[in-house]
Amino acid sequence: MLPYLALTTFAGGLVWRYRYDKLGWTARSSQLHERRLLGLGSPLFHGGILLTALGHATGLLIPAGVTRALGMSDGVYKAMAVGVGGLAGLMTLAGLAILVFRRLTVRAVLRASLASDLVMYVLLGSTILIGLAITLSGNGHDYRASVAPWFRSVFAFQPAVDAIAKAPWAFQLHALIAWTLIAAWPFTRLVHAFSLPLGYLARPYIVYRSREASRGQALD
């Protein structure tokens, strides 16, 4: 039930936000207030998130039988998952920690923060911490035999609840918070992830002239 409620809220929230809050469809850049910490934390966070998303897509959407058929043993797959997943998780966590520290210590950035930012950081941080702990702990549970089949079954509209029930509580908690984050996504600054600057492709060039150059042309 939770996945469908989260996905419905996610889709409905995106439609509502686009129709009634287009001006708020942004990350509300605070670069003018502080650049050093932002320049360090933002690339770490976004790069880590991208690697994490790719890793989740591979692990949850591709059945174990496919990787085995391609000649990749379970041991090799697990080593790659721990290595790449651990790196992605550490990058994401480090980037998020820097961005949160920046938001709390830079007064101008803190003043521009909203309540939704706090909710977003709590959900993001919890999801990342639990996922990283699962990845690095090496508890031996094969999530491709429990979490992955359940995740795919949700989109087949035949949720295999028994499959996720076999997973340890940490996996279930990770999934619970992740679905909650998806439901809250459209109502936070994370909505900017769905903004594609396609207008820039057709926009005419902007010509910048210095005051000195303009003054010289006027004298001529």
N, C-alpha and C. Protein backbone atom coordinates (compact mmCIF):
# COMPACT_ATOMS: atom_id res chain seq x y z
N MET A 1 0.82 -1.21 0.00
CA MET A 1 0.00 0.00 0.00
C MET A 1 0.86 1.27 0.00
N LEU A 2 1.92 1.27 0.83
CA LEU A 2 2.78 2.45 0.94
C LEU A 2 3.41 2.85 -0.40
N PRO A 3 3.97 1.90 -1.17
CA PRO A 3 4.56 2.31 -2.45
C PRO A 3 3.56 3.02 -3.37
N TYR A 4 2.35 2.52 -3.45
CA TYR A 4 1.35 3.14 -4.33
C TYR A 4 0.91 4.50 -3.80
N LEU A 5 0.81 4.64 -2.49
CA LEU A 5 0.48 5.93 -1.90
C LEU A 5 1.59 6.94 -2.17
N ALA A 6 2.85 6.48 -2.03
CA ALA A 6 3.99 7.36 -2.27
C ALA A 6 4.07 7.78 -3.74
N LEU A 7 3.87 6.83 -4.66
CA LEU A 7 3.94 7.14 -6.09
C LEU A 7 2.80 8.05 -6.51
N THR A 8 1.61 7.83 -5.96
CA THR A 8 0.47 8.70 -6.28
C THR A 8 0.71 10.12 -5.79
N THR A 9 1.21 10.24 -4.56
CA THR A 9 1.54 11.56 -4.01
C THR A 9 2.64 12.22 -4.81
N PHE A 10 3.61 11.43 -5.23
CA PHE A 10 4.72 11.95 -6.03
C PHE A 10 4.22 12.52 -7.35
N ALA A 11 3.43 11.73 -8.07
CA ALA A 11 2.93 12.19 -9.38
C ALA A 11 1.98 13.38 -9.22
N GLY A 12 1.05 13.27 -8.26
CA GLY A 12 0.12 14.37 -8.04
C GLY A 12 0.82 15.63 -7.58
N GLY A 13 1.83 15.47 -6.73
CA GLY A 13 2.59 16.63 -6.25
C GLY A 13 3.33 17.34 -7.36
N LEU A 14 3.90 16.57 -8.29
CA LEU A 14 4.61 17.18 -9.41
C LEU A 14 3.65 17.99 -10.29
N VAL A 15 2.46 17.42 -10.55
CA VAL A 15 1.47 18.13 -11.37
C VAL A 15 1.01 19.40 -10.66
N TRP A 16 0.72 19.29 -9.37
CA TRP A 16 0.28 20.46 -8.60
C TRP A 16 1.36 21.54 -8.57
N ARG A 17 2.58 21.11 -8.32
CA ARG A 17 3.68 22.08 -8.21
C ARG A 17 3.90 22.79 -9.55
N TYR A 18 3.80 22.05 -10.64
CA TYR A 18 4.03 22.65 -11.96
C TYR A 18 2.92 23.63 -12.32
N ARG A 19 1.69 23.31 -11.95
CA ARG A 19 0.56 24.15 -12.32
C ARG A 19 0.41 25.38 -11.44
N TYR A 20 0.70 25.23 -10.15
CA TYR A 20 0.40 26.31 -9.22
C TYR A 20 1.61 26.93 -8.55
N ASP A 21 2.78 26.38 -8.78
CA ASP A 21 3.97 26.93 -8.12
C ASP A 21 5.18 26.85 -9.05
N LYS A 22 5.00 27.34 -10.28
CA LYS A 22 6.10 27.28 -11.25
C LYS A 22 7.31 28.09 -10.77
N LEU A 23 7.04 29.22 -10.14
CA LEU A 23 8.15 30.05 -9.67
C LEU A 23 8.93 29.37 -8.55
N GLY A 24 8.28 28.45 -7.85
CA GLY A 24 8.97 27.73 -6.78
C GLY A 24 9.64 26.46 -7.24
N TRP A 25 9.53 26.14 -8.55
CA TRP A 25 10.15 24.93 -9.11
C TRP A 25 11.64 25.20 -9.32
N THR A 26 12.34 25.26 -8.24
CA THR A 26 13.75 25.62 -8.29
C THR A 26 14.45 25.16 -7.02
N ALA A 27 15.76 25.10 -7.09
CA ALA A 27 16.54 24.76 -5.89
C ALA A 27 16.82 25.98 -5.03
N ARG A 28 16.34 27.16 -5.48
CA ARG A 28 16.56 28.42 -4.77
C ARG A 28 18.05 28.59 -4.45
N SER A 29 18.81 28.83 -5.49
CA SER A 29 20.26 28.91 -5.36
C SER A 29 20.67 29.94 -4.31
N SER A 30 21.65 29.55 -3.51
CA SER A 30 22.19 30.45 -2.48
C SER A 30 23.67 30.70 -2.73
N GLN A 31 24.08 30.57 -3.97
CA GLN A 31 25.50 30.70 -4.30
C GLN A 31 26.03 32.09 -3.98
N LEU A 32 25.17 33.10 -4.09
CA LEU A 32 25.62 34.46 -3.83
C LEU A 32 25.99 34.65 -2.36
N HIS A 33 25.41 33.85 -1.48
CA HIS A 33 25.68 34.00 -0.05
C HIS A 33 26.99 33.34 0.36
N GLU A 34 27.32 32.22 -0.29
CA GLU A 34 28.54 31.48 0.08
C GLU A 34 28.89 30.51 -1.03
N ARG A 35 30.15 30.49 -1.44
CA ARG A 35 30.54 29.67 -2.59
C ARG A 35 31.52 28.55 -2.25
N ARG A 36 32.37 28.75 -1.27
CA ARG A 36 33.44 27.77 -1.01
C ARG A 36 32.87 26.42 -0.58
N LEU A 37 32.03 26.42 0.44
CA LEU A 37 31.44 25.16 0.91
C LEU A 37 30.49 24.57 -0.13
N LEU A 38 29.76 25.43 -0.82
CA LEU A 38 28.85 24.95 -1.85
C LEU A 38 29.62 24.28 -2.98
N GLY A 39 30.76 24.88 -3.35
CA GLY A 39 31.58 24.31 -4.42
C GLY A 39 32.20 22.98 -4.05
N LEU A 40 32.33 22.71 -2.76
CA LEU A 40 32.87 21.44 -2.30
C LEU A 40 31.77 20.39 -2.08
N GLY A 41 30.70 20.80 -1.41
CA GLY A 41 29.65 19.86 -1.06
C GLY A 41 28.75 19.47 -2.20
N SER A 42 28.40 20.41 -3.07
CA SER A 42 27.44 20.12 -4.14
C SER A 42 27.95 19.07 -5.13
N PRO A 43 29.18 19.16 -5.64
CA PRO A 43 29.65 18.11 -6.55
C PRO A 43 29.73 16.74 -5.89
N LEU A 44 30.15 16.70 -4.62
CA LEU A 44 30.22 15.42 -3.91
C LEU A 44 28.83 14.81 -3.78
N PHE A 45 27.87 15.64 -3.39
CA PHE A 45 26.51 15.14 -3.18
C PHE A 45 25.88 14.68 -4.49
N HIS A 46 25.94 15.51 -5.51
CA HIS A 46 25.29 15.16 -6.77
C HIS A 46 25.98 13.99 -7.47
N GLY A 47 27.32 13.95 -7.40
CA GLY A 47 28.03 12.81 -7.98
C GLY A 47 27.72 11.51 -7.25
N GLY A 48 27.66 11.59 -5.92
CA GLY A 48 27.33 10.41 -5.14
C GLY A 48 25.91 9.93 -5.38
N ILE A 49 24.98 10.87 -5.48
CA ILE A 49 23.58 10.53 -5.74
C ILE A 49 23.44 9.84 -7.09
N LEU A 50 24.16 10.34 -8.09
CA LEU A 50 24.09 9.74 -9.42
C LEU A 50 24.60 8.30 -9.40
N LEU A 51 25.75 8.08 -8.76
CA LEU A 51 26.29 6.72 -8.65
C LEU A 51 25.34 5.81 -7.86
N THR A 52 24.74 6.37 -6.80
CA THR A 52 23.81 5.58 -5.99
C THR A 52 22.58 5.19 -6.80
N ALA A 53 22.05 6.13 -7.57
CA ALA A 53 20.87 5.83 -8.40
C ALA A 53 21.18 4.75 -9.42
N LEU A 54 22.36 4.84 -10.05
CA LEU A 54 22.74 3.82 -11.03
C LEU A 54 22.91 2.45 -10.36
N GLY A 55 23.50 2.45 -9.17
CA GLY A 55 23.68 1.20 -8.44
C GLY A 55 22.35 0.57 -8.04
N HIS A 56 21.42 1.39 -7.57
CA HIS A 56 20.11 0.88 -7.20
C HIS A 56 19.36 0.35 -8.42
N ALA A 57 19.47 1.07 -9.53
CA ALA A 57 18.79 0.62 -10.76
C ALA A 57 19.33 -0.74 -11.19
N THR A 58 20.65 -0.92 -11.09
CA THR A 58 21.26 -2.19 -11.48
C THR A 58 20.85 -3.32 -10.53
N GLY A 59 20.92 -3.05 -9.23
CA GLY A 59 20.64 -4.09 -8.26
C GLY A 59 19.17 -4.46 -8.14
N LEU A 60 18.28 -3.47 -8.29
CA LEU A 60 16.86 -3.74 -8.08
C LEU A 60 16.13 -4.16 -9.35
N LEU A 61 16.57 -3.66 -10.50
CA LEU A 61 15.83 -3.92 -11.74
C LEU A 61 16.38 -5.10 -12.55
N ILE A 62 17.67 -5.40 -12.36
CA ILE A 62 18.27 -6.50 -13.12
C ILE A 62 18.32 -7.75 -12.26
N PRO A 63 17.60 -8.80 -12.62
CA PRO A 63 17.60 -10.04 -11.81
C PRO A 63 18.99 -10.67 -11.72
N ALA A 64 19.20 -11.40 -10.66
CA ALA A 64 20.49 -12.06 -10.45
C ALA A 64 20.81 -13.03 -11.58
N GLY A 65 19.77 -13.67 -12.15
CA GLY A 65 20.00 -14.61 -13.24
C GLY A 65 20.63 -13.98 -14.46
N VAL A 66 20.37 -12.69 -14.67
CA VAL A 66 20.93 -12.00 -15.83
C VAL A 66 22.43 -11.79 -15.65
N THR A 67 22.85 -11.33 -14.48
CA THR A 67 24.28 -11.11 -14.26
C THR A 67 25.05 -12.44 -14.27
N ARG A 68 24.40 -13.49 -13.75
CA ARG A 68 25.06 -14.79 -13.79
C ARG A 68 25.19 -15.29 -15.22
N ALA A 69 24.17 -15.06 -16.03
CA ALA A 69 24.22 -15.48 -17.43
C ALA A 69 25.30 -14.73 -18.20
N LEU A 70 25.62 -13.52 -17.75
CA LEU A 70 26.66 -12.73 -18.40
C LEU A 70 28.06 -13.12 -17.91
N GLY A 71 28.13 -14.09 -17.02
CA GLY A 71 29.43 -14.57 -16.55
C GLY A 71 29.92 -13.92 -15.28
N MET A 72 29.09 -13.13 -14.61
CA MET A 72 29.52 -12.48 -13.37
C MET A 72 29.04 -13.31 -12.18
N SER A 73 29.96 -13.80 -11.41
CA SER A 73 29.60 -14.61 -10.26
C SER A 73 28.99 -13.73 -9.17
N ASP A 74 28.30 -14.36 -8.23
CA ASP A 74 27.69 -13.62 -7.13
C ASP A 74 28.76 -12.94 -6.27
N GLY A 75 29.91 -13.59 -6.11
CA GLY A 75 30.99 -13.00 -5.32
C GLY A 75 31.52 -11.73 -5.94
N VAL A 76 31.74 -11.76 -7.25
CA VAL A 76 32.23 -10.57 -7.96
C VAL A 76 31.20 -9.46 -7.90
N TYR A 77 29.93 -9.83 -8.10
CA TYR A 77 28.87 -8.82 -8.06
C TYR A 77 28.81 -8.15 -6.68
N LYS A 78 28.91 -8.97 -5.63
CA LYS A 78 28.83 -8.41 -4.29
C LYS A 78 30.02 -7.50 -4.00
N ALA A 79 31.22 -7.90 -4.45
CA ALA A 79 32.40 -7.07 -4.24
C ALA A 79 32.26 -5.73 -4.95
N MET A 80 31.74 -5.76 -6.18
CA MET A 80 31.53 -4.52 -6.92
C MET A 80 30.46 -3.66 -6.26
N ALA A 81 29.39 -4.31 -5.78
CA ALA A 81 28.31 -3.57 -5.13
C ALA A 81 28.80 -2.87 -3.86
N VAL A 82 29.62 -3.59 -3.07
CA VAL A 82 30.14 -3.01 -1.85
C VAL A 82 31.13 -1.88 -2.16
N GLY A 83 32.00 -2.11 -3.14
CA GLY A 83 33.00 -1.11 -3.49
C GLY A 83 32.39 0.15 -4.07
N VAL A 84 31.61 0.00 -5.13
CA VAL A 84 31.00 1.16 -5.78
C VAL A 84 29.93 1.78 -4.90
N GLY A 85 29.10 0.90 -4.27
CA GLY A 85 28.05 1.41 -3.41
C GLY A 85 28.60 2.14 -2.19
N GLY A 86 29.67 1.59 -1.62
CA GLY A 86 30.29 2.25 -0.47
C GLY A 86 30.87 3.60 -0.84
N LEU A 87 31.55 3.67 -1.99
CA LEU A 87 32.11 4.94 -2.44
C LEU A 87 31.00 5.96 -2.71
N ALA A 88 29.95 5.52 -3.39
CA ALA A 88 28.83 6.43 -3.69
C ALA A 88 28.17 6.92 -2.41
N GLY A 89 27.98 6.02 -1.46
CA GLY A 89 27.36 6.40 -0.20
C GLY A 89 28.21 7.38 0.59
N LEU A 90 29.51 7.15 0.64
CA LEU A 90 30.40 8.06 1.36
C LEU A 90 30.45 9.43 0.71
N MET A 91 30.48 9.45 -0.63
CA MET A 91 30.45 10.73 -1.35
C MET A 91 29.17 11.50 -1.05
N THR A 92 28.04 10.80 -1.12
CA THR A 92 26.76 11.44 -0.89
C THR A 92 26.64 11.95 0.54
N LEU A 93 27.06 11.12 1.49
CA LEU A 93 26.98 11.51 2.89
C LEU A 93 27.89 12.70 3.19
N ALA A 94 29.11 12.68 2.66
CA ALA A 94 30.05 13.78 2.88
C ALA A 94 29.51 15.07 2.27
N GLY A 95 29.00 14.97 1.05
CA GLY A 95 28.44 16.15 0.40
C GLY A 95 27.26 16.71 1.15
N LEU A 96 26.36 15.82 1.60
CA LEU A 96 25.19 16.27 2.35
C LEU A 96 25.60 16.91 3.67
N ALA A 97 26.58 16.33 4.35
CA ALA A 97 27.04 16.89 5.63
C ALA A 97 27.60 18.30 5.43
N ILE A 98 28.33 18.50 4.36
CA ILE A 98 28.88 19.84 4.08
C ILE A 98 27.76 20.83 3.79
N LEU A 99 26.78 20.40 3.01
CA LEU A 99 25.67 21.29 2.66
C LEU A 99 24.81 21.63 3.88
N VAL A 100 24.60 20.66 4.76
CA VAL A 100 23.84 20.93 5.98
C VAL A 100 24.63 21.86 6.90
N PHE A 101 25.93 21.61 7.05
CA PHE A 101 26.78 22.49 7.86
C PHE A 101 26.74 23.91 7.31
N ARG A 102 26.80 24.04 6.01
CA ARG A 102 26.75 25.37 5.37
C ARG A 102 25.43 26.05 5.66
N ARG A 103 24.34 25.30 5.55
CA ARG A 103 23.02 25.90 5.77
C ARG A 103 22.84 26.35 7.22
N LEU A 104 23.44 25.63 8.15
CA LEU A 104 23.27 25.96 9.56
C LEU A 104 24.21 27.06 10.04
N THR A 105 25.36 27.22 9.38
CA THR A 105 26.37 28.16 9.86
C THR A 105 26.42 29.47 9.07
N VAL A 106 25.94 29.47 7.84
CA VAL A 106 25.92 30.71 7.06
C VAL A 106 24.58 31.38 7.28
N ARG A 107 24.60 32.52 7.94
CA ARG A 107 23.36 33.14 8.40
C ARG A 107 22.40 33.46 7.26
N ALA A 108 22.91 33.97 6.17
CA ALA A 108 22.04 34.33 5.05
C ALA A 108 21.36 33.10 4.44
N VAL A 109 22.10 31.99 4.38
CA VAL A 109 21.53 30.75 3.85
C VAL A 109 20.49 30.21 4.81
N LEU A 110 20.76 30.29 6.10
CA LEU A 110 19.81 29.80 7.11
C LEU A 110 18.52 30.59 7.07
N ARG A 111 18.63 31.90 6.88
CA ARG A 111 17.43 32.73 6.83
C ARG A 111 16.56 32.39 5.62
N ALA A 112 17.19 31.93 4.55
CA ALA A 112 16.44 31.61 3.33
C ALA A 112 15.87 30.19 3.36
N SER A 113 16.13 29.44 4.43
CA SER A 113 15.68 28.05 4.51
C SER A 113 14.19 27.98 4.86
N LEU A 114 13.57 26.90 4.41
CA LEU A 114 12.15 26.65 4.68
C LEU A 114 12.01 25.40 5.54
N ALA A 115 10.81 25.20 6.07
CA ALA A 115 10.55 24.01 6.87
C ALA A 115 10.72 22.74 6.05
N SER A 116 10.39 22.83 4.75
CA SER A 116 10.53 21.67 3.86
C SER A 116 11.99 21.26 3.71
N ASP A 117 12.91 22.22 3.87
CA ASP A 117 14.33 21.89 3.79
C ASP A 117 14.73 20.97 4.94
N LEU A 118 14.21 21.24 6.13
CA LEU A 118 14.52 20.40 7.29
C LEU A 118 13.99 18.99 7.07
N VAL A 119 12.75 18.88 6.59
CA VAL A 119 12.17 17.57 6.33
C VAL A 119 13.00 16.82 5.29
N MET A 120 13.40 17.53 4.24
CA MET A 120 14.19 16.91 3.18
C MET A 120 15.52 16.39 3.70
N TYR A 121 16.22 17.20 4.50
CA TYR A 121 17.52 16.78 5.01
C TYR A 121 17.40 15.59 5.97
N VAL A 122 16.36 15.56 6.78
CA VAL A 122 16.16 14.44 7.70
C VAL A 122 15.91 13.15 6.93
N LEU A 123 15.01 13.21 5.93
CA LEU A 123 14.69 12.02 5.15
C LEU A 123 15.88 11.57 4.32
N LEU A 124 16.56 12.52 3.68
CA LEU A 124 17.73 12.19 2.87
C LEU A 124 18.83 11.59 3.74
N GLY A 125 19.12 12.27 4.84
CA GLY A 125 20.19 11.79 5.70
C GLY A 125 19.91 10.40 6.26
N SER A 126 18.67 10.16 6.66
CA SER A 126 18.31 8.85 7.22
C SER A 126 18.44 7.76 6.16
N THR A 127 17.94 8.05 4.96
CA THR A 127 18.02 7.07 3.88
C THR A 127 19.46 6.73 3.54
N ILE A 128 20.29 7.76 3.44
CA ILE A 128 21.70 7.56 3.08
C ILE A 128 22.45 6.80 4.17
N LEU A 129 22.24 7.18 5.43
CA LEU A 129 22.96 6.55 6.53
C LEU A 129 22.61 5.06 6.63
N ILE A 130 21.33 4.74 6.56
CA ILE A 130 20.92 3.34 6.68
C ILE A 130 21.43 2.54 5.48
N GLY A 131 21.30 3.11 4.28
CA GLY A 131 21.78 2.42 3.09
C GLY A 131 23.27 2.18 3.13
N LEU A 132 24.03 3.18 3.60
CA LEU A 132 25.49 3.02 3.69
C LEU A 132 25.86 1.99 4.74
N ALA A 133 25.15 2.00 5.85
CA ALA A 133 25.43 1.00 6.90
C ALA A 133 25.17 -0.41 6.39
N ILE A 134 24.09 -0.57 5.63
CA ILE A 134 23.78 -1.89 5.07
C ILE A 134 24.88 -2.32 4.11
N THR A 135 25.34 -1.39 3.27
CA THR A 135 26.34 -1.71 2.26
C THR A 135 27.67 -2.10 2.89
N LEU A 136 28.10 -1.35 3.89
CA LEU A 136 29.42 -1.57 4.47
C LEU A 136 29.44 -2.66 5.55
N SER A 137 28.28 -3.02 6.09
CA SER A 137 28.26 -4.00 7.17
C SER A 137 28.56 -5.41 6.69
N GLY A 138 28.22 -5.69 5.42
CA GLY A 138 28.45 -7.03 4.89
C GLY A 138 27.73 -8.10 5.67
N ASN A 139 26.41 -7.87 5.91
CA ASN A 139 25.66 -8.82 6.75
C ASN A 139 25.35 -10.14 6.05
N GLY A 140 25.69 -10.24 4.77
CA GLY A 140 25.51 -11.50 4.07
C GLY A 140 24.15 -11.71 3.45
N HIS A 141 23.20 -10.80 3.70
CA HIS A 141 21.86 -10.99 3.12
C HIS A 141 21.88 -10.62 1.64
N ASP A 142 21.30 -11.47 0.82
CA ASP A 142 21.23 -11.22 -0.61
C ASP A 142 19.93 -10.49 -0.91
N TYR A 143 20.01 -9.18 -1.04
CA TYR A 143 18.79 -8.38 -1.28
C TYR A 143 18.18 -8.67 -2.64
N ARG A 144 18.96 -9.27 -3.54
CA ARG A 144 18.41 -9.58 -4.87
C ARG A 144 17.42 -10.75 -4.81
N ALA A 145 17.37 -11.42 -3.66
CA ALA A 145 16.42 -12.52 -3.48
C ALA A 145 15.21 -12.10 -2.66
N SER A 146 15.21 -10.86 -2.16
CA SER A 146 14.09 -10.41 -1.33
C SER A 146 13.60 -9.02 -1.74
N VAL A 147 14.45 -8.01 -1.54
CA VAL A 147 14.04 -6.63 -1.81
C VAL A 147 13.81 -6.40 -3.30
N ALA A 148 14.74 -6.89 -4.13
CA ALA A 148 14.64 -6.65 -5.57
C ALA A 148 13.37 -7.25 -6.18
N PRO A 149 13.04 -8.54 -5.91
CA PRO A 149 11.79 -9.09 -6.46
C PRO A 149 10.56 -8.32 -5.98
N TRP A 150 10.57 -7.91 -4.71
CA TRP A 150 9.45 -7.12 -4.18
C TRP A 150 9.33 -5.78 -4.91
N PHE A 151 10.47 -5.11 -5.12
CA PHE A 151 10.46 -3.81 -5.79
C PHE A 151 9.90 -3.94 -7.21
N ARG A 152 10.34 -4.95 -7.95
CA ARG A 152 9.84 -5.15 -9.31
C ARG A 152 8.36 -5.52 -9.31
N SER A 153 7.95 -6.26 -8.30
CA SER A 153 6.55 -6.69 -8.25
C SER A 153 5.60 -5.51 -8.01
N VAL A 154 6.11 -4.46 -7.36
CA VAL A 154 5.28 -3.28 -7.12
C VAL A 154 4.84 -2.66 -8.45
N PHE A 155 5.76 -2.60 -9.40
CA PHE A 155 5.46 -1.98 -10.69
C PHE A 155 4.72 -2.94 -11.63
N ALA A 156 4.66 -4.19 -11.24
CA ALA A 156 3.85 -5.16 -11.98
C ALA A 156 2.45 -5.25 -11.39
N PHE A 157 2.19 -4.42 -10.35
CA PHE A 157 0.90 -4.38 -9.66
C PHE A 157 0.53 -5.74 -9.05
N GLN A 158 1.57 -6.46 -8.64
CA GLN A 158 1.40 -7.72 -7.94
C GLN A 158 2.42 -7.77 -6.79
N PRO A 159 2.26 -6.85 -5.82
CA PRO A 159 3.29 -6.72 -4.77
C PRO A 159 3.52 -8.01 -4.00
N ALA A 160 4.77 -8.46 -4.03
CA ALA A 160 5.16 -9.68 -3.32
C ALA A 160 5.61 -9.31 -1.91
N VAL A 161 4.64 -9.12 -1.03
CA VAL A 161 4.93 -8.69 0.34
C VAL A 161 5.77 -9.72 1.07
N ASP A 162 5.58 -10.98 0.75
CA ASP A 162 6.35 -12.05 1.42
C ASP A 162 7.84 -11.91 1.14
N ALA A 163 8.18 -11.38 -0.04
CA ALA A 163 9.59 -11.24 -0.41
C ALA A 163 10.29 -10.21 0.47
N ILE A 164 9.68 -9.03 0.63
CA ILE A 164 10.30 -7.98 1.46
C ILE A 164 10.27 -8.38 2.93
N ALA A 165 9.31 -9.22 3.32
CA ALA A 165 9.22 -9.66 4.71
C ALA A 165 10.41 -10.55 5.09
N LYS A 166 11.06 -11.14 4.09
CA LYS A 166 12.22 -11.99 4.34
C LYS A 166 13.49 -11.17 4.61
N ALA A 167 13.47 -9.91 4.24
CA ALA A 167 14.65 -9.07 4.41
C ALA A 167 14.81 -8.63 5.86
N PRO A 168 16.05 -8.42 6.33
CA PRO A 168 16.27 -7.91 7.69
C PRO A 168 15.59 -6.56 7.89
N TRP A 169 15.39 -6.18 9.14
CA TRP A 169 14.65 -4.97 9.46
C TRP A 169 15.32 -3.72 8.88
N ALA A 170 16.64 -3.72 8.77
CA ALA A 170 17.33 -2.54 8.24
C ALA A 170 16.95 -2.29 6.79
N PHE A 171 16.80 -3.34 6.00
CA PHE A 171 16.38 -3.19 4.62
C PHE A 171 14.94 -2.66 4.56
N GLN A 172 14.10 -3.18 5.43
CA GLN A 172 12.72 -2.73 5.44
C GLN A 172 12.60 -1.27 5.86
N LEU A 173 13.39 -0.87 6.85
CA LEU A 173 13.39 0.53 7.28
C LEU A 173 13.92 1.44 6.19
N HIS A 174 14.97 0.98 5.51
CA HIS A 174 15.54 1.75 4.40
C HIS A 174 14.48 1.97 3.31
N ALA A 175 13.73 0.93 2.99
CA ALA A 175 12.68 1.04 1.98
C ALA A 175 11.56 1.96 2.45
N LEU A 176 11.19 1.86 3.73
CA LEU A 176 10.12 2.69 4.29
C LEU A 176 10.46 4.18 4.19
N ILE A 177 11.67 4.53 4.61
CA ILE A 177 12.07 5.95 4.58
C ILE A 177 12.23 6.42 3.13
N ALA A 178 12.72 5.55 2.26
CA ALA A 178 12.90 5.93 0.86
C ALA A 178 11.55 6.24 0.20
N TRP A 179 10.53 5.43 0.46
CA TRP A 179 9.20 5.71 -0.10
C TRP A 179 8.63 7.00 0.49
N THR A 180 8.89 7.26 1.75
CA THR A 180 8.44 8.51 2.37
C THR A 180 9.12 9.70 1.70
N LEU A 181 10.42 9.55 1.41
CA LEU A 181 11.15 10.61 0.71
C LEU A 181 10.57 10.85 -0.68
N ILE A 182 10.21 9.79 -1.38
CA ILE A 182 9.61 9.93 -2.71
C ILE A 182 8.29 10.68 -2.62
N ALA A 183 7.49 10.39 -1.61
CA ALA A 183 6.21 11.08 -1.43
C ALA A 183 6.41 12.57 -1.15
N ALA A 184 7.46 12.90 -0.39
CA ALA A 184 7.71 14.30 -0.05
C ALA A 184 8.46 15.06 -1.12
N TRP A 185 9.05 14.34 -2.06
CA TRP A 185 9.93 14.93 -3.08
C TRP A 185 9.35 16.17 -3.76
N PRO A 186 8.12 16.12 -4.31
CA PRO A 186 7.63 17.28 -5.07
C PRO A 186 7.45 18.54 -4.23
N PHE A 187 7.39 18.40 -2.92
CA PHE A 187 7.11 19.53 -2.05
C PHE A 187 8.37 20.11 -1.42
N THR A 188 9.54 19.68 -1.92
CA THR A 188 10.82 20.17 -1.43
C THR A 188 11.64 20.72 -2.60
N ARG A 189 12.82 21.23 -2.28
CA ARG A 189 13.69 21.76 -3.32
C ARG A 189 14.22 20.66 -4.24
N LEU A 190 14.03 19.39 -3.87
CA LEU A 190 14.47 18.28 -4.72
C LEU A 190 13.72 18.25 -6.05
N VAL A 191 12.61 18.98 -6.14
CA VAL A 191 11.83 18.99 -7.37
C VAL A 191 12.64 19.50 -8.56
N HIS A 192 13.70 20.26 -8.27
CA HIS A 192 14.49 20.83 -9.38
C HIS A 192 15.23 19.74 -10.17
N ALA A 193 15.26 18.51 -9.63
CA ALA A 193 15.89 17.41 -10.36
C ALA A 193 15.16 17.11 -11.66
N PHE A 194 13.89 17.53 -11.76
CA PHE A 194 13.10 17.28 -12.96
C PHE A 194 13.03 18.51 -13.87
N SER A 195 13.91 19.44 -13.66
CA SER A 195 13.97 20.63 -14.50
C SER A 195 15.03 20.43 -15.57
N LEU A 196 14.63 20.49 -16.82
CA LEU A 196 15.56 20.39 -17.95
C LEU A 196 15.61 21.73 -18.65
N PRO A 197 16.77 22.36 -18.70
CA PRO A 197 16.88 23.69 -19.32
C PRO A 197 16.84 23.64 -20.84
N LEU A 198 15.75 23.06 -21.39
CA LEU A 198 15.66 22.93 -22.84
C LEU A 198 15.51 24.28 -23.53
N GLY A 199 15.00 25.25 -22.79
CA GLY A 199 14.83 26.57 -23.39
C GLY A 199 16.14 27.21 -23.79
N TYR A 200 17.21 26.79 -23.13
CA TYR A 200 18.52 27.36 -23.46
C TYR A 200 18.96 27.00 -24.88
N LEU A 201 18.44 25.88 -25.41
CA LEU A 201 18.84 25.44 -26.74
C LEU A 201 18.33 26.38 -27.82
N ALA A 202 17.18 27.02 -27.58
CA ALA A 202 16.59 27.90 -28.59
C ALA A 202 16.69 29.37 -28.21
N ARG A 203 17.24 29.65 -27.05
CA ARG A 203 17.32 31.03 -26.60
C ARG A 203 18.40 31.78 -27.36
N PRO A 204 18.13 33.03 -27.78
CA PRO A 204 19.16 33.80 -28.49
C PRO A 204 20.32 34.14 -27.57
N TYR A 205 21.46 34.40 -28.18
CA TYR A 205 22.64 34.72 -27.40
C TYR A 205 22.43 36.02 -26.62
N ILE A 206 23.04 36.06 -25.45
CA ILE A 206 23.04 37.29 -24.65
C ILE A 206 24.41 37.93 -24.79
N VAL A 207 24.44 39.16 -25.24
CA VAL A 207 25.69 39.86 -25.47
C VAL A 207 25.95 40.80 -24.30
N TYR A 208 27.11 40.64 -23.67
CA TYR A 208 27.50 41.48 -22.54
C TYR A 208 28.55 42.48 -23.02
N ARG A 209 28.36 43.74 -22.67
CA ARG A 209 29.33 44.78 -22.98
C ARG A 209 29.68 45.52 -21.70
N SER A 210 30.95 45.81 -21.55
CA SER A 210 31.36 46.55 -20.37
C SER A 210 30.96 48.02 -20.51
N ARG A 211 30.88 48.72 -19.41
CA ARG A 211 30.52 50.13 -19.45
C ARG A 211 31.53 50.95 -20.22
N GLU A 212 32.82 50.55 -20.09
CA GLU A 212 33.86 51.29 -20.78
C GLU A 212 33.70 51.17 -22.29
N ALA A 213 33.40 49.93 -22.76
CA ALA A 213 33.22 49.73 -24.19
C ALA A 213 32.02 50.48 -24.71
N SER A 214 30.94 50.47 -23.96
CA SER A 214 29.74 51.19 -24.38
C SER A 214 29.99 52.69 -24.42
N ARG A 215 30.75 53.20 -23.46
CA ARG A 215 31.04 54.62 -23.40
C ARG A 215 31.93 55.04 -24.58
N GLY A 216 32.88 54.16 -24.96
CA GLY A 216 33.73 54.47 -26.09
C GLY A 216 32.96 54.50 -27.39
N GLN A 217 32.01 53.58 -27.56
CA GLN A 217 31.19 53.57 -28.78
C GLN A 217 30.32 54.81 -28.84
N ALA A 218 29.83 55.29 -27.69
CA ALA A 218 28.99 56.48 -27.68
C ALA A 218 29.79 57.71 -28.10
N LEU A 219 31.05 57.78 -27.67
CA LEU A 219 31.89 58.93 -28.04
C LEU A 219 32.21 58.95 -29.52
N ASP A 220 32.34 57.74 -30.11
CA ASP A 220 32.61 57.66 -31.53
C ASP A 220 31.43 58.16 -32.34
